[in-house]
N, C-alpha and C. Protein backbone atom coordinates (compact mmCIF):
# COMPACT_ATOMS: atom_id res chain seq x y z
N UNK A 1 0.73 -0.98 -0.24
CA UNK A 1 -0.01 0.15 -0.09
C UNK A 1 0.93 1.08 0.22
N UNK A 2 0.45 2.19 -0.59
CA UNK A 2 1.65 3.16 -1.20
C UNK A 2 0.35 4.96 -0.62
N UNK A 3 0.48 5.39 -0.06
CA UNK A 3 -0.07 6.75 0.67
C UNK A 3 0.56 7.92 0.46
N UNK A 4 -0.24 8.71 0.19
CA UNK A 4 0.46 10.15 -0.29
C UNK A 4 -0.16 11.39 -0.60
N UNK A 5 -0.45 12.35 -0.25
CA UNK A 5 -0.93 13.79 -0.83
C UNK A 5 -0.63 13.93 -2.20
N UNK A 6 -1.63 14.38 -3.01
CA UNK A 6 -1.72 14.79 -4.32
C UNK A 6 -0.23 15.32 -5.06
N UNK A 7 0.48 14.79 -6.29
CA UNK A 7 1.78 15.42 -6.35
C UNK A 7 2.80 15.23 -5.51
N UNK A 8 2.73 14.07 -4.49
CA UNK A 8 4.25 13.97 -3.99
C UNK A 8 4.80 13.10 -4.02
N UNK A 9 4.48 12.34 -5.34
CA UNK A 9 5.46 11.55 -6.34
C UNK A 9 5.34 9.93 -6.25
N UNK A 10 4.41 9.80 -5.93
CA UNK A 10 3.75 8.13 -5.73
C UNK A 10 3.74 7.72 -7.15
N UNK A 11 3.55 8.35 -8.26
CA UNK A 11 3.49 7.50 -9.64
C UNK A 11 5.27 7.67 -10.08
N UNK A 12 5.79 8.49 -9.60
CA UNK A 12 7.26 8.37 -9.92
C UNK A 12 7.93 7.70 -9.31
N UNK A 13 7.94 7.12 -7.86
CA UNK A 13 8.02 6.11 -7.16
C UNK A 13 7.96 4.87 -7.93
N UNK A 14 6.62 4.16 -8.58
CA UNK A 14 6.57 3.18 -9.22
C UNK A 14 7.28 3.14 -10.34
N UNK A 15 7.25 4.13 -10.90
CA UNK A 15 7.93 4.44 -12.42
C UNK A 15 9.64 4.04 -11.99
N UNK A 16 10.04 4.53 -11.02
CA UNK A 16 11.33 4.33 -10.86
C UNK A 16 11.58 2.86 -10.35
N UNK A 17 10.66 2.37 -10.25
CA UNK A 17 10.89 0.95 -9.29
C UNK A 17 10.92 -0.05 -10.44
N UNK A 18 9.95 0.35 -11.32
CA UNK A 18 9.66 -0.43 -12.75
C UNK A 18 10.99 -0.26 -13.23
N UNK A 19 11.62 0.96 -13.79
CA UNK A 19 12.64 1.01 -14.45
C UNK A 19 14.09 0.02 -13.80
N UNK A 20 13.90 0.18 -12.26
CA UNK A 20 14.94 -0.61 -11.96
C UNK A 20 14.94 -1.97 -11.94
N UNK A 21 13.68 -2.55 -12.02
CA UNK A 21 13.48 -3.93 -11.87
C UNK A 21 13.56 -4.49 -13.84
N UNK A 22 13.41 -3.49 -14.58
CA UNK A 22 13.65 -3.74 -16.12
C UNK A 22 15.10 -4.02 -16.03
N UNK A 23 15.91 -2.28 -15.76
CA UNK A 23 17.46 -2.64 -15.80
C UNK A 23 17.97 -4.05 -15.22
N UNK A 24 17.55 -4.44 -13.80
CA UNK A 24 18.12 -5.74 -13.11
C UNK A 24 18.00 -6.90 -14.30
N UNK A 25 16.64 -6.73 -14.81
CA UNK A 25 16.15 -8.14 -15.52
C UNK A 25 16.53 -8.04 -16.41
N UNK A 26 16.87 -7.02 -17.68
CA UNK A 26 17.64 -7.57 -18.74
C UNK A 26 19.03 -6.78 -18.72
N UNK A 27 20.07 -6.80 -17.75
CA UNK A 27 21.11 -6.74 -17.66
C UNK A 27 21.59 -5.25 -17.50
N UNK A 28 23.17 -4.99 -17.09
CA UNK A 28 22.55 -3.67 -17.04
C UNK A 28 23.12 -2.66 -18.40
N UNK A 29 23.46 -3.30 -19.88
CA UNK A 29 24.44 -3.01 -20.80
C UNK A 29 23.60 -1.78 -20.93
N UNK A 30 24.66 -0.96 -21.55
CA UNK A 30 23.73 0.36 -22.22
C UNK A 30 22.84 0.27 -23.16
N UNK A 31 22.68 -0.68 -23.75
CA UNK A 31 21.75 -0.94 -25.23
C UNK A 31 20.29 -0.68 -24.33
N UNK A 32 20.48 -1.77 -23.30
CA UNK A 32 19.20 -2.27 -22.22
C UNK A 32 18.83 -0.84 -21.49
N UNK A 33 19.71 -0.10 -21.14
CA UNK A 33 19.21 1.21 -20.03
C UNK A 33 18.36 1.99 -21.07
N UNK A 34 19.14 2.29 -21.97
CA UNK A 34 18.81 3.39 -23.69
C UNK A 34 17.26 3.21 -23.61
N UNK A 35 16.92 1.84 -23.85
CA UNK A 35 15.88 1.48 -24.54
C UNK A 35 14.51 1.81 -23.02
N UNK A 36 14.91 2.36 -22.14
CA UNK A 36 13.55 2.84 -20.92
C UNK A 36 13.24 4.02 -21.22
N UNK A 37 13.92 4.87 -22.26
CA UNK A 37 13.50 6.36 -22.48
C UNK A 37 13.64 6.75 -21.20
N UNK A 38 14.26 6.85 -20.11
CA UNK A 38 14.72 7.65 -19.08
C UNK A 38 14.27 9.23 -19.05
N UNK A 39 13.58 10.25 -18.45
CA UNK A 39 13.09 11.40 -18.49
C UNK A 39 14.15 11.92 -17.50
N UNK A 40 15.30 13.08 -17.68
CA UNK A 40 15.79 13.92 -16.42
C UNK A 40 14.81 14.80 -15.72
N UNK A 41 15.29 14.80 -14.70
CA UNK A 41 14.92 15.64 -13.37
C UNK A 41 14.80 17.10 -13.77
N UNK A 42 13.53 17.97 -14.72
CA UNK A 42 13.83 18.87 -15.50
C UNK A 42 13.47 20.29 -14.74
N UNK A 43 13.14 20.22 -13.55
CA UNK A 43 12.65 21.08 -12.57
C UNK A 43 13.87 22.02 -11.92
N UNK A 44 15.32 21.32 -11.82
CA UNK A 44 16.51 21.94 -11.66
C UNK A 44 17.58 22.27 -12.94
N UNK A 45 17.56 23.47 -12.99
CA UNK A 45 18.37 23.75 -14.74
C UNK A 45 19.76 23.26 -14.18
N UNK A 46 20.52 23.23 -12.82
CA UNK A 46 21.84 22.76 -12.37
C UNK A 46 21.99 21.20 -12.05
N UNK A 47 21.07 20.32 -12.41
CA UNK A 47 20.94 19.15 -12.48
C UNK A 47 20.22 18.29 -13.44
N UNK A 48 19.50 19.08 -14.68
CA UNK A 48 18.56 18.45 -15.53
C UNK A 48 19.47 17.65 -16.34
N UNK A 49 20.92 17.90 -16.69
CA UNK A 49 22.23 17.33 -17.44
C UNK A 49 22.73 16.04 -16.72
N UNK A 50 22.87 15.98 -15.36
CA UNK A 50 23.22 14.79 -14.50
C UNK A 50 22.61 13.75 -14.54
N UNK A 51 23.44 12.88 -14.49
CA UNK A 51 22.68 11.58 -14.60
C UNK A 51 21.97 11.24 -13.48
N UNK A 52 21.07 10.03 -13.19
CA UNK A 52 20.32 9.82 -12.33
C UNK A 52 20.80 8.37 -11.93
N UNK A 53 20.40 8.08 -10.31
CA UNK A 53 20.65 7.17 -10.12
C UNK A 53 19.82 6.92 -8.55
N UNK A 54 19.55 5.11 -8.49
CA UNK A 54 18.49 4.96 -7.80
C UNK A 54 19.80 3.81 -7.04
N UNK A 55 18.83 3.49 -5.85
CA UNK A 55 19.98 2.87 -4.50
C UNK A 55 18.46 1.78 -3.76
N UNK A 56 19.06 0.84 -3.76
CA UNK A 56 18.19 -0.26 -2.64
C UNK A 56 18.82 -0.83 -1.36
N UNK A 57 18.41 -0.54 -0.44
CA UNK A 57 19.04 -1.05 0.88
C UNK A 57 18.12 -2.15 1.37
N UNK A 58 18.85 -3.01 1.67
CA UNK A 58 18.16 -4.49 2.28
C UNK A 58 18.72 -4.72 3.34
C-alpha cells in the first residue's frame, strides 16, 4: 500500500521501481538502459543534465 498527498511522487516512485526492475532483469548493458527512455529531472537547471541513480537497501 502506498499513501501520499497529491503530487507527492507516488507515481514516480512506481515508475522508478519499474525501471530498476527492467534494468536488473535485462542486464546493465547500455543498450538495455537506453531503451527505457529515462526522462531527466527538469525542475532544476543545475541538475537537468546530471545522471540519475537509484539505490536499494536490504
